[in-house]
Structure formats: structure tokens, C-alpha cells
C-alpha atoms as a PDB file:
ATOM      1  CA  MET A   1      15.737  24.148 -28.931  1.00  0.00           C
ATOM      2  CA  LYS A   2      13.031  21.996 -30.532  1.00  0.00           C
ATOM      3  CA  LYS A   3      15.134  18.828 -30.094  1.00  0.00           C
ATOM      4  CA  THR A   4      15.651  19.647 -26.409  1.00  0.00           C
ATOM      5  CA  ILE A   5      11.903  19.970 -25.838  1.00  0.00           C
ATOM      6  CA  GLU A   6      11.237  16.711 -27.707  1.00  0.00           C
ATOM      7  CA  LEU A   7      13.883  14.888 -25.685  1.00  0.00           C
ATOM      8  CA  THR A   8      12.444  16.259 -22.442  1.00  0.00           C
ATOM      9  CA  LEU A   9       8.943  15.122 -23.412  1.00  0.00           C
ATOM     10  CA  ILE A  10      10.206  11.650 -24.328  1.00  0.00           C
ATOM     11  CA  VAL A  11      12.032  11.262 -21.018  1.00  0.00           C
ATOM     12  CA  PHE A  12       8.965  12.487 -19.120  1.00  0.00           C
ATOM     13  CA  ALA A  13       6.667  10.080 -21.020  1.00  0.00           C
ATOM     14  CA  ILE A  14       8.946   7.102 -20.369  1.00  0.00           C
ATOM     15  CA  SER A  15       9.272   7.865 -16.658  1.00  0.00           C
ATOM     16  CA  PHE A  16       5.504   8.397 -16.335  1.00  0.00           C
ATOM     17  CA  LEU A  17       4.667   5.127 -18.080  1.00  0.00           C
ATOM     18  CA  THR A  18       7.140   3.090 -16.043  1.00  0.00           C
ATOM     19  CA  SER A  19       5.776   4.511 -12.785  1.00  0.00           C
ATOM     20  CA  CYS A  20       2.226   3.523 -13.790  1.00  0.00           C
ATOM     21  CA  THR A  21       3.126  -0.072 -14.597  1.00  0.00           C
ATOM     22  CA  SER A  22       4.102  -1.092 -11.091  1.00  0.00           C
ATOM     23  CA  ASN A  23       1.646  -2.563  -8.648  1.00  0.00           C
ATOM     24  CA  GLY A  24       3.352  -2.117  -5.317  1.00  0.00           C
ATOM     25  CA  ILE A  25       0.353  -3.116  -3.204  1.00  0.00           C
ATOM     26  CA  ALA A  26       1.130  -5.696  -0.538  1.00  0.00           C
ATOM     27  CA  LEU A  27      -1.617  -7.883   0.887  1.00  0.00           C
ATOM     28  CA  PRO A  28      -1.221  -9.472   4.314  1.00  0.00           C
ATOM     29  CA  LYS A  29      -0.902 -13.217   4.571  1.00  0.00           C
ATOM     30  CA  THR A  30      -3.208 -15.284   6.731  1.00  0.00           C
ATOM     31  CA  ILE A  31      -1.461 -17.234   9.461  1.00  0.00           C
ATOM     32  CA  PRO A  32      -2.979 -20.698  10.010  1.00  0.00           C
ATOM     33  CA  GLY A  33      -4.456 -21.298  13.449  1.00  0.00           C
ATOM     34  CA  THR A  34      -5.018 -17.641  14.321  1.00  0.00           C
ATOM     35  CA  VAL A  35      -8.221 -15.663  14.630  1.00  0.00           C
ATOM     36  CA  LYS A  36      -8.742 -13.562  11.506  1.00  0.00           C
ATOM     37  CA  THR A  37      -9.024  -9.903  12.475  1.00  0.00           C
ATOM     38  CA  TYR A  38      -9.294  -8.378   9.001  1.00  0.00           C
ATOM     39  CA  THR A  39     -10.723  -8.815   5.513  1.00  0.00           C
ATOM     40  CA  VAL A  40      -9.444  -7.558   2.161  1.00  0.00           C
ATOM     41  CA  ASN A  41     -12.081  -5.866  -0.003  1.00  0.00           C
ATOM     42  CA  GLN A  42     -12.191  -5.830  -3.812  1.00  0.00           C
ATOM     43  CA  GLU A  43     -10.126  -2.632  -4.004  1.00  0.00           C
ATOM     44  CA  GLY A  44      -7.348  -4.318  -2.015  1.00  0.00           C
ATOM     45  CA  THR A  45      -7.940  -2.366   1.204  1.00  0.00           C
ATOM     46  CA  VAL A  46      -7.428  -4.244   4.469  1.00  0.00           C
ATOM     47  CA  GLU A  47     -10.529  -3.697   6.614  1.00  0.00           C
ATOM     48  CA  ILE A  48     -10.181  -4.365  10.333  1.00  0.00           C
ATOM     49  CA  LEU A  49     -13.116  -6.442  11.607  1.00  0.00           C
ATOM     50  CA  GLY A  50     -15.160  -5.041  14.484  1.00  0.00           C
ATOM     51  CA  HIS A  51     -14.564  -1.399  13.484  1.00  0.00           C
ATOM     52  CA  ASP A  52     -17.080   0.910  11.856  1.00  0.00           C
ATOM     53  CA  ILE A  53     -15.532   1.099   8.377  1.00  0.00           C
ATOM     54  CA  LYS A  54     -17.664   4.097   7.385  1.00  0.00           C
ATOM     55  CA  THR A  55     -16.079   6.303  10.067  1.00  0.00           C
ATOM     56  CA  GLU A  56     -12.546   4.911  10.207  1.00  0.00           C
ATOM     57  CA  PRO A  57      -9.899   6.637   8.066  1.00  0.00           C
ATOM     58  CA  LYS A  58      -7.685   4.851   5.549  1.00  0.00           C
ATOM     59  CA  HIS A  59      -4.032   4.576   6.448  1.00  0.00           C
ATOM     60  CA  TRP A  60      -1.199   3.964   3.984  1.00  0.00           C
ATOM     61  CA  LEU A  61       1.486   1.768   5.508  1.00  0.00           C
ATOM     62  CA  TYR A  62       4.628   1.940   3.387  1.00  0.00           C
ATOM     63  CA  ILE A  63       6.508  -1.285   3.910  1.00  0.00           C
ATOM     64  CA  ARG A  64       9.929  -2.591   3.003  1.00  0.00           C
ATOM     65  CA  CYS A  65       9.958  -4.853  -0.045  1.00  0.00           C
ATOM     66  CA  ASP A  66      12.125  -5.851  -3.023  1.00  0.00           C
ATOM     67  CA  HIS A  67      10.114  -3.848  -5.560  1.00  0.00           C
ATOM     68  CA  TRP A  68      12.081  -0.948  -7.041  1.00  0.00           C
ATOM     69  CA  SER A  69       9.364   1.647  -6.364  1.00  0.00           C
ATOM     70  CA  GLY A  70       8.412   0.354  -2.911  1.00  0.00           C
ATOM     71  CA  CYS A  71       5.227  -1.249  -1.574  1.00  0.00           C
ATOM     72  CA  TYR A  72       2.315  -0.145   0.528  1.00  0.00           C
ATOM     73  CA  MET A  73      -0.595  -1.677   2.405  1.00  0.00           C
ATOM     74  CA  ARG A  74      -3.815   0.346   2.478  1.00  0.00           C
ATOM     75  CA  CYS A  75      -5.705  -0.273   5.710  1.00  0.00           C
ATOM     76  CA  GLN A  76      -8.984   1.011   7.125  1.00  0.00           C
ATOM     77  CA  GLY A  77      -9.420   0.800  10.880  1.00  0.00           C
ATOM     78  CA  LYS A  78      -7.566   1.842  14.021  1.00  0.00           C
ATOM     79  CA  ILE A  79      -3.900   2.594  13.343  1.00  0.00           C
ATOM     80  CA  ASN A  80      -2.669   0.145  16.003  1.00  0.00           C
ATOM     81  CA  SER A  81      -4.767  -2.632  14.451  1.00  0.00           C
ATOM     82  CA  CYS A  82      -3.310  -1.847  11.015  1.00  0.00           C
ATOM     83  CA  LYS A  83       0.225  -1.966  12.422  1.00  0.00           C
ATOM     84  CA  LYS A  84      -0.546  -5.328  14.057  1.00  0.00           C
ATOM     85  CA  VAL A  85      -1.762  -6.819  10.749  1.00  0.00           C
ATOM     86  CA  ALA A  86       1.451  -5.646   9.051  1.00  0.00           C
ATOM     87  CA  ARG A  87       3.616  -6.971  11.902  1.00  0.00           C
ATOM     88  CA  ASP A  88       1.813 -10.343  11.957  1.00  0.00           C
ATOM     89  CA  SER A  89       2.257 -10.608   8.171  1.00  0.00           C
ATOM     90  CA  GLU A  90       5.992  -9.934   8.589  1.00  0.00           C
ATOM     91  CA  PHE A  91       5.891  -6.622   6.716  1.00  0.00           C
ATOM     92  CA  PRO A  92       8.446  -4.197   8.179  1.00  0.00           C
ATOM     93  CA  VAL A  93       6.698  -0.792   8.219  1.00  0.00           C
ATOM     94  CA  ASP A  94       8.905   2.111   7.097  1.00  0.00           C
ATOM     95  CA  TYR A  95       6.341   4.864   7.697  1.00  0.00           C
ATOM     96  CA  ILE A  96       2.591   5.535   7.819  1.00  0.00           C
ATOM     97  CA  VAL A  97       0.549   8.241   6.107  1.00  0.00           C
ATOM     98  CA  SER A  98      -2.848   8.976   7.677  1.00  0.00           C
ATOM     99  CA  PRO A  99      -5.419  11.699   6.999  1.00  0.00           C
END
């Protein structure tokens, strides 16, 4: 019984540590010759320009990528503007989580 508990704890610790090591954040790329409609703050959140950032909710856009645990783009602004930034950056959006 004691060995089973130890093995379970080891497996849990390994899975927890491997999930914490990934950085699946995706940042949009700037396209030359276009008007920039967003900025990226120090936390990595895409902020849509021209929107009141204090009142706009944060959206989590989960996008398709090659990383084993997936990738997401955190965006603050109108949902349609966030989708446009992802589309313009060639990130295929799988689903969106909003408050």
C-alpha cells in the first residue's frame, strides 16, 4: 500500500512539473505596411488600441500550434478585434474563453 501511494505521488509530481515548464503563449506578429491596432504589454497580453482597457474583459484565444500542450493568446479588448488580430497573425483559433 505504501509503495502504491509513493508511486502515485511521484507520477503526480512529474506530471505537475512538466505542465508548469511549458510556455504556450503565442504573440501576434506585426505585418509590415499595416496600421498597428494593438500593443503587447509586459505580461504578454495583447491590448487593442482605441479601447478602454480598464473596462474591457480579457479573452483567452486558444489557437492551433505545434506545442504538445497547446497555445493561447490573451487579449484585452472587443472580442471581434481580438479575433482579427489572431486572424491577421495567421493563428487559427480553436475556441475562445471569455468572462
